[in-house]
Amino acid sequence: MGMNIGQILASRASLTGGKVGFINGDKHITFTEMNNRANAFAAYLQRQGLQSGDKIALLCKNNEDVVATFFGAAKIGVVTVVMNYRLQPQELDYIYSHSDAQLLIHDVAFQEIVDQLTVVSQAISHQSTPSLAEIYEEAAVEPVQHTSSFDPILMMYTSGTTGRPKGALISHNNLQAASIGLSHTIDWWEQDCFLMVAPFFHIGGFAPLITNVHTGATMVLMEDFHPVEAWKLIEKEKVTSSMTVPAMLAFLLQTYPMVKSDISSLRYITCGASAVPAPLILGCRQLGIPVQQVYGITEYTGAVSFWKPSQGEEKFDSMGKVVMQGTVQIKDLTTKNVLPIGAIGEIVLTGPQVFVGYYKNDEAYHTVVENNEFYTGDVGYLDPDGFLYVVDRVKDMIISGGENIYSAELELVLAQHEAVQEVAVVGRPDEKWGEVPVAYIVKKAESEVSGEDIVAHCKSKLASYKAVKDVVFVDTLPRNAVGKILKMQLKDLQNI
């Protein structure tokens, strides 16, 4: 026996059951109502013969069905596979098949996609027989737990920027630790009203779901992010906080002058998934909205570290300090020895947030986790005050003439050029140097700039060996479903 993450919904219902915990449009659901739905769903799964360790899959937007089905499944040890609805049917087919899920829960809106999947034998939506609505109406008691704290309970497939996505297994204990890491590192209270715009299929969306139930905060569920609607919801529901990605924050800033909502309730917006550009932080500050920067990784069950303004305004270019119960070390890429303060190496994490496996891929797991230490594949350093700076991905690092060149450093410099809208830097094999950096740039509308101009700008800011050796202008940069640039595709553009 051990801690069961499904039990926190039952505890929350016992403590503040009459409080509205979930708002979706005109639907207001109390914690007790949600716990009843979860229990009914758990009973349904048991009637279907599902047992602890079996899998179900979700193909849902940010709605109340995710909450009821996940917590219901968790109570009886059934693992939930959260699928990214932005993927193509063949990608979803692979994930569903690889995960060994026995049941698919999906929104009615995704029926067409589900019909294209070749591997689904049993699926439930609000239109199926029985429907989710009918299942929820069944009276059910609190199920008896037969789980261990370290059993997997959530499976999230990594974005697969290199090859097939891997199913990261996250345990009851991992989710509990992630919730404590969030709520004990940044201010997260029972009185909060949290706007859920980060998708549940992303750990940056799922960990806050657990934390909101844990703390007793109300969640406003937004199935489709639209910045104007988000501002209206913030005013209507007196939203206090939210978790976003930089692209969302940029849209919010652009649209605020059109809406001019009352945003006096907002205490902060958290932003992550990639580094938050300074203009976004400063733009929000002018509106009176503090932005907190989060560095997170699926395999660490979400947040690794936070920078918040109270830690020092001048540190906004850092990723802040590691979350409660987490520890970070910087290790040499070759020797794996711990490096001194200020030295750049691989970011290595420990703590109860470290995930427990990749499904059916022990080899991949043991290449990134040794002695409960998670080797992130990110390169960075710690400053004398303990602030973490993320420099690059190990695989994105370019070794030219024996020198380490960090693509992220180049991208930062190139993004400062007035004609550059977006930029990504990758390495290209070179007979003389081994590799040379190449910039892929999306120009701002109506701007005129040459490759020579870009190289000159680079050389004016950085040592010449770091400067890009070639510039390719493109209309768009390839991204995956959570907005990360797919550098492998850029390399393929020129058969690099």
Protein backbone atom coordinates (compact mmCIF):
# COMPACT_ATOMS: atom_id res chain seq x y z
CA MET A 1 0.00 0.00 0.00
CA GLY A 2 1.04 3.58 -0.43
CA MET A 3 -0.08 7.02 -1.45
CA ASN A 4 -2.64 7.04 -4.28
CA ILE A 5 -2.92 10.26 -6.29
CA GLY A 6 -6.61 9.57 -6.93
CA GLN A 7 -7.19 9.87 -3.22
CA ILE A 8 -6.36 13.58 -3.19
CA LEU A 9 -9.64 14.27 -5.01
CA ALA A 10 -11.50 12.34 -2.28
CA SER A 11 -9.61 14.28 0.40
CA ARG A 12 -10.39 17.57 -1.33
CA ALA A 13 -14.09 16.62 -1.57
CA SER A 14 -14.06 15.83 2.15
CA LEU A 15 -12.42 19.17 3.02
CA THR A 16 -14.18 21.64 0.69
CA GLY A 17 -16.63 19.47 -1.22
CA GLY A 18 -19.27 22.16 -1.74
CA LYS A 19 -16.81 24.53 -3.41
CA VAL A 20 -16.86 24.86 -7.21
CA GLY A 21 -13.60 23.30 -8.31
CA PHE A 22 -14.10 23.28 -12.08
CA ILE A 23 -15.65 25.83 -14.44
CA ASN A 24 -16.11 25.14 -18.15
CA GLY A 25 -18.33 27.69 -19.86
CA ASP A 26 -21.62 27.65 -17.99
CA LYS A 27 -20.82 24.34 -16.26
CA HIS A 28 -19.83 24.65 -12.60
CA ILE A 29 -18.77 21.40 -10.89
CA THR A 30 -18.03 21.09 -7.19
CA PHE A 31 -15.23 18.94 -5.81
CA THR A 32 -17.79 16.52 -4.38
CA GLU A 33 -19.55 16.20 -7.74
CA MET A 34 -16.23 15.57 -9.47
CA ASN A 35 -15.23 12.95 -6.90
CA ASN A 36 -18.57 11.20 -7.40
CA ARG A 37 -17.96 11.14 -11.17
CA ALA A 38 -14.47 9.73 -10.61
CA ASN A 39 -15.82 6.98 -8.35
CA ALA A 40 -18.51 6.10 -10.88
CA PHE A 41 -15.91 5.90 -13.64
CA ALA A 42 -13.66 3.70 -11.46
CA ALA A 43 -16.60 1.35 -10.86
CA TYR A 44 -17.27 1.24 -14.62
CA LEU A 45 -13.63 0.30 -15.33
CA GLN A 46 -13.83 -2.47 -12.72
CA ARG A 47 -17.02 -3.81 -14.34
CA GLN A 48 -15.10 -3.91 -17.62
CA GLY A 49 -12.46 -6.05 -15.93
CA LEU A 50 -9.67 -3.46 -15.84
CA GLN A 51 -7.20 -3.88 -13.03
CA SER A 52 -4.25 -2.06 -11.51
CA GLY A 53 -1.53 -1.64 -14.17
CA ASP A 54 -3.94 -1.74 -17.13
CA LYS A 55 -4.11 1.33 -19.41
CA ILE A 56 -6.76 3.69 -20.74
CA ALA A 57 -6.09 6.51 -23.20
CA LEU A 58 -7.57 10.03 -23.34
CA LEU A 59 -8.05 12.11 -26.48
CA CYS A 60 -9.64 15.18 -24.92
CA LYS A 61 -9.27 18.93 -24.78
CA ASN A 62 -9.05 20.74 -21.42
CA ASN A 63 -12.39 19.63 -20.05
CA GLU A 64 -13.96 18.04 -16.99
CA ASP A 65 -13.90 14.54 -18.51
CA VAL A 66 -10.10 14.48 -18.24
CA VAL A 67 -10.41 15.18 -14.52
CA ALA A 68 -13.11 12.59 -13.80
CA THR A 69 -11.58 9.80 -15.85
CA PHE A 70 -7.98 10.31 -14.73
CA PHE A 71 -8.82 10.45 -11.01
CA GLY A 72 -11.27 7.57 -11.33
CA ALA A 73 -8.71 5.38 -13.09
CA ALA A 74 -5.97 6.41 -10.62
CA LYS A 75 -8.06 5.33 -7.63
CA ILE A 76 -7.92 1.71 -8.85
CA GLY A 77 -4.36 1.86 -10.22
CA VAL A 78 -5.31 2.05 -13.91
CA VAL A 79 -2.73 4.06 -15.87
CA THR A 80 -3.94 6.98 -18.01
CA VAL A 81 -2.22 7.66 -21.35
CA VAL A 82 -2.83 11.31 -22.26
CA MET A 83 -2.70 11.66 -26.05
CA ASN A 84 -1.90 14.84 -27.96
CA TYR A 85 -4.93 15.61 -30.14
CA ARG A 86 -2.81 17.80 -32.44
CA LEU A 87 -0.96 14.76 -33.77
CA GLN A 88 -1.77 13.07 -37.06
CA PRO A 89 -3.92 9.89 -36.96
CA GLN A 90 -0.93 7.65 -37.82
CA GLU A 91 1.02 9.15 -34.89
CA LEU A 92 -1.92 8.58 -32.53
CA ASP A 93 -2.24 5.05 -33.89
CA TYR A 94 1.37 4.34 -32.91
CA ILE A 95 0.93 5.75 -29.40
CA TYR A 96 -2.35 3.94 -28.73
CA SER A 97 -0.93 0.66 -29.99
CA HIS A 98 2.43 1.01 -28.22
CA SER A 99 0.77 1.94 -24.90
CA ASP A 100 -1.41 -1.22 -24.83
CA ALA A 101 -4.42 0.90 -23.84
CA GLN A 102 -7.64 -1.10 -23.57
CA LEU A 103 -10.09 1.78 -23.77
CA LEU A 104 -10.13 5.19 -25.45
CA ILE A 105 -12.01 8.13 -23.90
CA HIS A 106 -12.48 10.92 -26.41
CA ASP A 107 -14.33 14.15 -27.03
CA VAL A 108 -17.21 13.97 -29.50
CA ALA A 109 -15.29 16.49 -31.62
CA PHE A 110 -12.59 13.87 -32.24
CA GLN A 111 -14.92 11.14 -33.53
CA GLU A 112 -13.63 11.58 -37.08
CA ILE A 113 -10.04 11.09 -35.94
CA VAL A 114 -10.99 8.06 -33.81
CA ASP A 115 -12.69 6.51 -36.86
CA GLN A 116 -9.35 6.70 -38.69
CA LEU A 117 -7.46 4.83 -35.97
CA THR A 118 -6.89 1.20 -36.81
CA VAL A 119 -6.16 -0.14 -33.34
CA VAL A 120 -9.06 1.07 -31.19
CA SER A 121 -11.53 -1.61 -30.20
CA GLN A 122 -13.45 0.17 -27.44
CA ALA A 123 -14.12 3.90 -27.16
CA ILE A 124 -16.35 6.11 -25.01
CA SER A 125 -17.55 9.68 -25.52
CA HIS A 126 -20.67 11.64 -24.59
CA GLN A 127 -22.36 10.16 -27.69
CA SER A 128 -21.38 6.52 -27.27
CA THR A 129 -23.25 3.71 -25.53
CA PRO A 130 -22.88 3.91 -22.63
CA SER A 131 -21.96 7.58 -22.66
CA LEU A 132 -19.72 9.25 -20.12
CA ALA A 133 -22.75 11.17 -18.85
CA GLU A 134 -24.58 7.88 -18.17
CA ILE A 135 -21.53 6.37 -16.46
CA TYR A 136 -21.21 9.40 -14.16
CA GLU A 137 -24.84 9.04 -13.03
CA GLU A 138 -24.21 5.59 -11.52
CA ALA A 139 -23.92 5.69 -7.74
CA ALA A 140 -20.55 4.40 -6.58
CA VAL A 141 -18.62 4.13 -3.35
CA GLU A 142 -15.01 5.13 -2.77
CA PRO A 143 -12.97 2.23 -4.23
CA VAL A 144 -10.50 0.25 -2.14
CA GLN A 145 -6.88 1.10 -3.04
CA HIS A 146 -4.37 -1.57 -3.97
CA THR A 147 -1.52 0.55 -5.25
CA SER A 148 2.05 1.45 -4.38
CA SER A 149 3.29 5.05 -4.32
CA PHE A 150 5.87 4.14 -6.96
CA ASP A 151 3.47 2.47 -9.40
CA PRO A 152 3.12 4.33 -12.73
CA ILE A 153 -0.25 6.08 -13.00
CA LEU A 154 0.26 8.50 -15.91
CA MET A 155 1.93 7.95 -19.27
CA MET A 156 2.97 10.90 -21.41
CA TYR A 157 4.61 10.47 -24.76
CA THR A 158 7.57 12.76 -25.27
CA SER A 159 7.35 14.97 -28.32
CA GLY A 160 9.62 12.73 -30.38
CA THR A 161 11.89 15.43 -31.81
CA THR A 162 14.29 12.54 -32.48
CA GLY A 163 12.62 9.38 -33.74
CA ARG A 164 9.56 7.70 -32.25
CA PRO A 165 8.04 9.29 -29.13
CA LYS A 166 8.75 7.48 -25.85
CA GLY A 167 6.12 6.82 -23.18
CA ALA A 168 7.37 8.44 -19.97
CA LEU A 169 5.92 6.67 -16.94
CA ILE A 170 5.00 8.95 -14.04
CA SER A 171 4.09 7.53 -10.63
CA HIS A 172 1.64 8.52 -7.88
CA ASN A 173 4.64 9.73 -5.89
CA ASN A 174 5.98 11.75 -8.85
CA LEU A 175 2.68 13.66 -9.20
CA GLN A 176 2.47 14.27 -5.45
CA ALA A 177 6.05 15.62 -5.46
CA ALA A 178 5.37 17.79 -8.52
CA SER A 179 2.35 19.30 -6.78
CA ILE A 180 4.40 20.08 -3.67
CA GLY A 181 7.17 21.48 -5.87
CA LEU A 182 4.72 23.89 -7.51
CA SER A 183 2.65 24.94 -4.52
CA HIS A 184 5.62 25.33 -2.15
CA THR A 185 7.88 27.21 -4.58
CA ILE A 186 5.42 29.76 -5.97
CA ASP A 187 2.36 31.17 -4.19
CA TRP A 188 -0.54 28.81 -4.90
CA TRP A 189 -3.54 29.06 -2.61
CA GLU A 190 -6.99 27.64 -1.97
CA GLN A 191 -8.42 31.07 -2.82
CA ASP A 192 -6.85 31.00 -6.31
CA CYS A 193 -8.75 30.79 -9.55
CA PHE A 194 -6.48 29.19 -12.15
CA LEU A 195 -7.06 29.61 -15.90
CA MET A 196 -6.13 26.31 -17.53
CA VAL A 197 -4.92 27.09 -21.05
CA ALA A 198 -1.81 24.86 -21.22
CA PRO A 199 -3.10 21.56 -22.68
CA PHE A 200 -3.52 18.56 -20.39
CA PHE A 201 -1.52 16.41 -22.83
CA HIS A 202 1.49 18.53 -21.82
CA ILE A 203 3.04 18.05 -18.36
CA GLY A 204 2.84 21.86 -18.01
CA GLY A 205 -0.94 21.44 -18.09
CA PHE A 206 -1.29 18.21 -16.15
CA ALA A 207 0.87 19.02 -13.11
CA PRO A 208 -1.20 22.19 -12.39
CA LEU A 209 -4.37 20.07 -12.52
CA ILE A 210 -3.01 17.93 -9.67
CA THR A 211 -1.82 21.02 -7.79
CA ASN A 212 -5.19 22.77 -8.04
CA VAL A 213 -6.98 19.75 -6.59
CA HIS A 214 -4.29 19.45 -3.92
CA THR A 215 -4.57 23.09 -2.85
CA GLY A 216 -8.32 23.40 -3.42
CA ALA A 217 -8.02 26.17 -6.02
CA THR A 218 -10.75 26.58 -8.63
CA MET A 219 -9.87 25.76 -12.24
CA VAL A 220 -11.33 27.55 -15.26
CA LEU A 221 -11.01 25.07 -18.11
CA MET A 222 -10.35 26.52 -21.57
CA GLU A 223 -10.73 23.91 -24.30
CA ASP A 224 -9.35 26.11 -27.09
CA PHE A 225 -6.96 28.95 -26.37
CA HIS A 226 -8.08 32.26 -27.81
CA PRO A 227 -6.38 35.34 -26.34
CA VAL A 228 -9.42 37.65 -26.50
CA GLU A 229 -11.63 35.01 -24.86
CA ALA A 230 -8.92 34.40 -22.27
CA TRP A 231 -8.91 38.08 -21.26
CA LYS A 232 -12.73 37.99 -20.99
CA LEU A 233 -12.58 34.89 -18.80
CA ILE A 234 -9.96 36.50 -16.57
CA GLU A 235 -12.38 39.38 -15.91
CA LYS A 236 -15.53 37.23 -15.64
CA GLU A 237 -14.13 34.56 -13.29
CA LYS A 238 -11.65 36.84 -11.45
CA VAL A 239 -8.75 34.61 -12.48
CA THR A 240 -5.66 34.96 -10.28
CA SER A 241 -3.11 32.81 -12.10
CA SER A 242 -2.36 30.77 -15.20
CA MET A 243 0.31 28.61 -16.86
CA THR A 244 1.22 29.54 -20.45
CA VAL A 245 3.86 29.11 -23.14
CA PRO A 246 5.65 32.13 -24.72
CA ALA A 247 3.51 32.05 -27.89
CA MET A 248 0.33 32.32 -25.78
CA LEU A 249 1.81 35.16 -23.73
CA ALA A 250 2.71 37.02 -26.92
CA PHE A 251 -0.87 36.67 -28.22
CA LEU A 252 -2.25 37.87 -24.89
CA LEU A 253 -0.03 40.96 -24.95
CA GLN A 254 -0.96 41.77 -28.55
CA THR A 255 -4.70 41.52 -27.93
CA TYR A 256 -5.00 43.23 -24.55
CA PRO A 257 -5.45 46.75 -26.04
CA MET A 258 -8.48 45.44 -27.98
CA VAL A 259 -10.20 44.02 -24.89
CA LYS A 260 -8.93 46.10 -21.94
CA SER A 261 -10.43 43.59 -19.49
CA ASP A 262 -10.38 44.22 -15.77
CA ILE A 263 -7.30 42.19 -14.81
CA SER A 264 -6.98 43.43 -11.23
CA SER A 265 -7.51 39.86 -9.93
CA LEU A 266 -4.38 38.53 -11.69
CA ARG A 267 -1.49 37.86 -9.30
CA TYR A 268 0.85 36.30 -11.85
CA ILE A 269 1.18 34.40 -15.10
CA THR A 270 3.65 31.53 -15.25
CA CYS A 271 5.34 30.92 -18.60
CA GLY A 272 7.57 28.10 -19.81
CA ALA A 273 8.27 25.34 -22.40
CA SER A 274 11.02 27.56 -23.82
CA ALA A 275 12.88 30.65 -22.64
CA VAL A 276 10.58 33.64 -22.19
CA PRO A 277 11.84 36.62 -24.22
CA ALA A 278 12.53 39.75 -22.14
CA PRO A 279 10.04 41.92 -24.12
CA LEU A 280 7.20 39.61 -23.01
CA ILE A 281 8.22 39.82 -19.35
CA LEU A 282 8.59 43.62 -19.57
CA GLY A 283 5.37 44.05 -21.58
CA CYS A 284 3.38 42.15 -18.96
CA ARG A 285 5.08 44.13 -16.21
CA GLN A 286 3.78 47.35 -17.82
CA LEU A 287 0.26 45.92 -17.52
CA GLY A 288 0.97 45.19 -13.86
CA ILE A 289 1.18 41.42 -14.38
CA PRO A 290 4.24 39.69 -12.88
CA VAL A 291 5.52 36.88 -15.11
CA GLN A 292 7.19 33.86 -13.52
CA GLN A 293 9.47 31.79 -15.70
CA VAL A 294 9.42 27.99 -15.32
CA TYR A 295 11.86 25.44 -16.68
CA GLY A 296 10.16 22.09 -16.95
CA ILE A 297 10.69 18.59 -18.32
CA THR A 298 8.18 15.75 -18.76
CA GLU A 299 10.59 13.26 -17.22
CA TYR A 300 10.84 15.45 -14.10
CA THR A 301 7.03 15.55 -13.82
CA GLY A 302 6.99 19.20 -14.85
CA ALA A 303 8.66 22.10 -13.11
CA VAL A 304 12.40 21.91 -12.47
CA SER A 305 12.93 25.52 -11.41
CA PHE A 306 11.19 28.89 -11.20
CA TRP A 307 12.32 32.45 -11.58
CA LYS A 308 9.91 34.89 -9.97
CA PRO A 309 10.34 38.68 -9.67
CA SER A 310 10.74 38.49 -5.88
CA GLN A 311 14.00 36.59 -6.42
CA GLY A 312 15.46 39.66 -8.07
CA GLU A 313 14.32 41.50 -11.19
CA GLU A 314 17.85 41.40 -12.60
CA LYS A 315 17.80 37.59 -12.71
CA PHE A 316 14.98 37.34 -15.27
CA ASP A 317 17.34 35.80 -17.83
CA SER A 318 17.83 32.82 -15.50
CA MET A 319 15.52 29.87 -14.89
CA GLY A 320 15.54 30.75 -11.21
CA LYS A 321 15.95 28.22 -8.43
CA VAL A 322 15.13 24.54 -8.31
CA VAL A 323 11.71 23.62 -6.89
CA MET A 324 11.05 22.41 -3.35
CA GLN A 325 12.44 18.87 -2.82
CA GLY A 326 14.46 19.03 -6.03
CA THR A 327 18.23 19.25 -6.39
CA VAL A 328 20.36 20.22 -9.38
CA GLN A 329 24.01 19.62 -10.23
CA ILE A 330 26.06 20.52 -13.26
CA LYS A 331 28.21 17.63 -14.50
CA ASP A 332 30.98 17.32 -17.04
CA LEU A 333 29.61 15.92 -20.32
CA THR A 334 32.34 13.30 -20.56
CA THR A 335 33.59 12.46 -17.06
CA LYS A 336 30.24 13.07 -15.29
CA ASN A 337 32.15 14.78 -12.48
CA VAL A 338 30.36 17.62 -10.67
CA LEU A 339 31.54 20.98 -12.03
CA PRO A 340 32.22 24.14 -10.01
CA ILE A 341 29.91 27.18 -9.91
CA GLY A 342 29.84 28.99 -13.25
CA ALA A 343 31.12 26.06 -15.31
CA ILE A 344 28.92 24.86 -18.18
CA GLY A 345 27.90 21.21 -18.29
CA GLU A 346 24.91 18.87 -18.31
CA ILE A 347 22.04 19.66 -15.95
CA VAL A 348 21.49 16.63 -13.69
CA LEU A 349 18.47 16.42 -11.38
CA THR A 350 17.51 14.36 -8.36
CA GLY A 351 14.43 14.28 -6.16
CA PRO A 352 11.07 12.51 -5.93
CA GLN A 353 10.01 14.09 -9.25
CA VAL A 354 12.30 11.84 -11.37
CA PHE A 355 10.07 9.65 -13.55
CA VAL A 356 10.05 5.86 -13.12
CA GLY A 357 10.57 4.55 -16.67
CA TYR A 358 9.97 4.61 -20.40
CA TYR A 359 7.26 2.09 -21.29
CA LYS A 360 8.79 -0.99 -22.94
CA ASN A 361 12.15 0.79 -23.27
CA ASP A 362 14.37 0.13 -20.23
CA GLU A 363 17.49 0.79 -22.28
CA ALA A 364 16.46 4.38 -23.04
CA TYR A 365 15.54 4.91 -19.38
CA HIS A 366 18.90 3.72 -18.09
CA THR A 367 20.74 6.02 -20.50
CA VAL A 368 19.16 9.06 -18.79
CA VAL A 369 18.67 7.84 -15.21
CA GLU A 370 21.61 6.50 -13.18
CA ASN A 371 21.48 6.07 -9.40
CA ASN A 372 18.19 8.02 -9.35
CA GLU A 373 19.94 10.94 -11.07
CA PHE A 374 18.23 12.24 -14.21
CA TYR A 375 20.57 13.42 -16.96
CA THR A 376 18.39 16.00 -18.70
CA GLY A 377 20.28 16.39 -21.96
CA ASP A 378 20.26 20.14 -21.29
CA VAL A 379 23.43 22.19 -20.93
CA GLY A 380 23.66 24.96 -18.35
CA TYR A 381 25.38 26.38 -15.29
CA LEU A 382 24.68 27.63 -11.76
CA ASP A 383 25.68 31.14 -10.69
CA PRO A 384 27.12 31.93 -7.22
CA ASP A 385 23.58 32.69 -5.92
CA GLY A 386 22.27 29.28 -6.95
CA PHE A 387 20.32 30.47 -10.01
CA LEU A 388 20.13 28.03 -12.89
CA TYR A 389 20.89 29.13 -16.44
CA VAL A 390 19.96 26.84 -19.35
CA VAL A 391 22.32 27.31 -22.29
CA ASP A 392 21.37 24.62 -24.82
CA ARG A 393 20.38 21.03 -25.50
CA VAL A 394 23.33 18.63 -25.51
CA LYS A 395 22.27 17.38 -28.93
CA ASP A 396 21.97 20.95 -30.25
CA MET A 397 25.48 21.87 -29.16
CA ILE A 398 27.78 22.45 -32.14
CA ILE A 399 31.42 21.38 -31.88
CA SER A 400 33.44 23.42 -34.37
CA GLY A 401 37.22 23.12 -34.48
CA GLY A 402 37.12 21.56 -31.01
CA GLU A 403 35.19 24.52 -29.54
CA ASN A 404 31.71 24.14 -28.04
CA ILE A 405 29.24 26.50 -29.71
CA TYR A 406 25.82 26.80 -28.08
CA SER A 407 23.07 27.30 -30.64
CA ALA A 408 20.89 28.97 -27.97
CA GLU A 409 23.54 31.67 -27.42
CA LEU A 410 23.65 32.38 -31.16
CA GLU A 411 19.85 32.45 -31.37
CA LEU A 412 19.71 34.98 -28.54
CA VAL A 413 22.11 37.32 -30.39
CA LEU A 414 20.40 36.89 -33.78
CA ALA A 415 16.95 37.50 -32.28
CA GLN A 416 18.16 40.99 -31.30
CA HIS A 417 18.55 41.97 -34.97
CA GLU A 418 15.72 44.30 -35.96
CA ALA A 419 14.88 42.33 -39.12
CA VAL A 420 14.66 38.91 -37.42
CA GLN A 421 11.22 37.57 -36.50
CA GLU A 422 12.30 34.04 -35.53
CA VAL A 423 15.57 32.13 -35.67
CA ALA A 424 16.96 28.64 -35.14
CA VAL A 425 20.60 27.60 -35.39
CA VAL A 426 21.80 24.08 -36.23
CA GLY A 427 25.15 22.50 -36.98
CA ARG A 428 26.16 21.44 -40.49
CA PRO A 429 28.95 18.89 -41.09
CA ASP A 430 32.11 20.55 -42.39
CA GLU A 431 35.27 18.86 -43.64
CA LYS A 432 37.57 21.46 -42.10
CA TRP A 433 35.87 22.30 -38.80
CA GLY A 434 33.80 19.18 -38.11
CA GLU A 435 30.65 21.31 -37.82
CA VAL A 436 29.72 24.91 -38.55
CA PRO A 437 26.66 26.84 -37.32
CA VAL A 438 23.91 27.69 -39.82
CA ALA A 439 21.02 30.08 -39.05
CA TYR A 440 17.47 29.56 -40.30
CA ILE A 441 15.67 32.89 -40.13
CA VAL A 442 12.11 34.09 -40.58
CA LYS A 443 12.32 37.79 -41.52
CA LYS A 444 9.94 40.38 -40.16
CA ALA A 445 7.37 41.57 -42.68
CA GLU A 446 8.69 44.18 -45.13
CA SER A 447 12.22 44.02 -43.74
CA GLU A 448 15.25 43.85 -46.01
CA VAL A 449 18.32 42.02 -44.76
CA SER A 450 21.01 39.87 -46.36
CA GLY A 451 22.89 36.87 -45.08
CA GLU A 452 26.03 39.01 -44.97
CA ASP A 453 24.23 41.50 -42.70
CA ILE A 454 23.29 38.68 -40.32
CA VAL A 455 26.83 37.27 -40.20
CA ALA A 456 28.25 40.76 -39.57
CA HIS A 457 25.75 41.32 -36.74
CA CYS A 458 26.81 37.99 -35.25
CA LYS A 459 30.52 38.85 -35.41
CA SER A 460 29.90 42.22 -33.77
CA LYS A 461 28.45 40.50 -30.70
CA LEU A 462 30.36 37.21 -30.41
CA ALA A 463 33.78 35.69 -31.00
CA SER A 464 34.20 35.10 -34.72
CA TYR A 465 34.51 31.30 -34.33
CA LYS A 466 30.98 31.29 -32.89
CA ALA A 467 29.45 33.34 -35.71
CA VAL A 468 27.07 31.60 -38.12
CA LYS A 469 28.75 30.60 -41.36
CA ASP A 470 25.61 30.47 -43.46
CA VAL A 471 22.12 31.98 -43.34
CA VAL A 472 18.97 30.41 -44.82
CA PHE A 473 15.82 32.55 -44.99
CA VAL A 474 12.58 30.55 -44.57
CA ASP A 475 8.87 31.39 -44.36
CA THR A 476 8.29 29.39 -41.18
CA LEU A 477 10.21 27.23 -38.73
CA PRO A 478 8.96 23.64 -38.26
CA ARG A 479 7.46 23.03 -34.82
CA ASN A 480 5.92 20.12 -32.97
CA ALA A 481 2.50 20.21 -31.33
CA VAL A 482 3.73 21.98 -28.19
CA GLY A 483 5.57 24.68 -30.15
CA LYS A 484 9.14 23.40 -29.92
CA ILE A 485 11.25 23.96 -33.02
CA LEU A 486 12.11 20.70 -34.79
CA LYS A 487 15.79 21.16 -35.50
CA MET A 488 16.09 17.72 -37.07
CA GLN A 489 13.75 18.87 -39.84
CA LEU A 490 15.91 21.95 -40.42
CA LYS A 491 18.92 19.69 -40.86
CA ASP A 492 16.94 17.60 -43.33
CA LEU A 493 16.11 20.70 -45.42
CA GLN A 494 19.59 20.65 -46.89
CA ASN A 495 20.25 16.99 -46.17
CA ILE A 496 22.65 18.23 -43.54
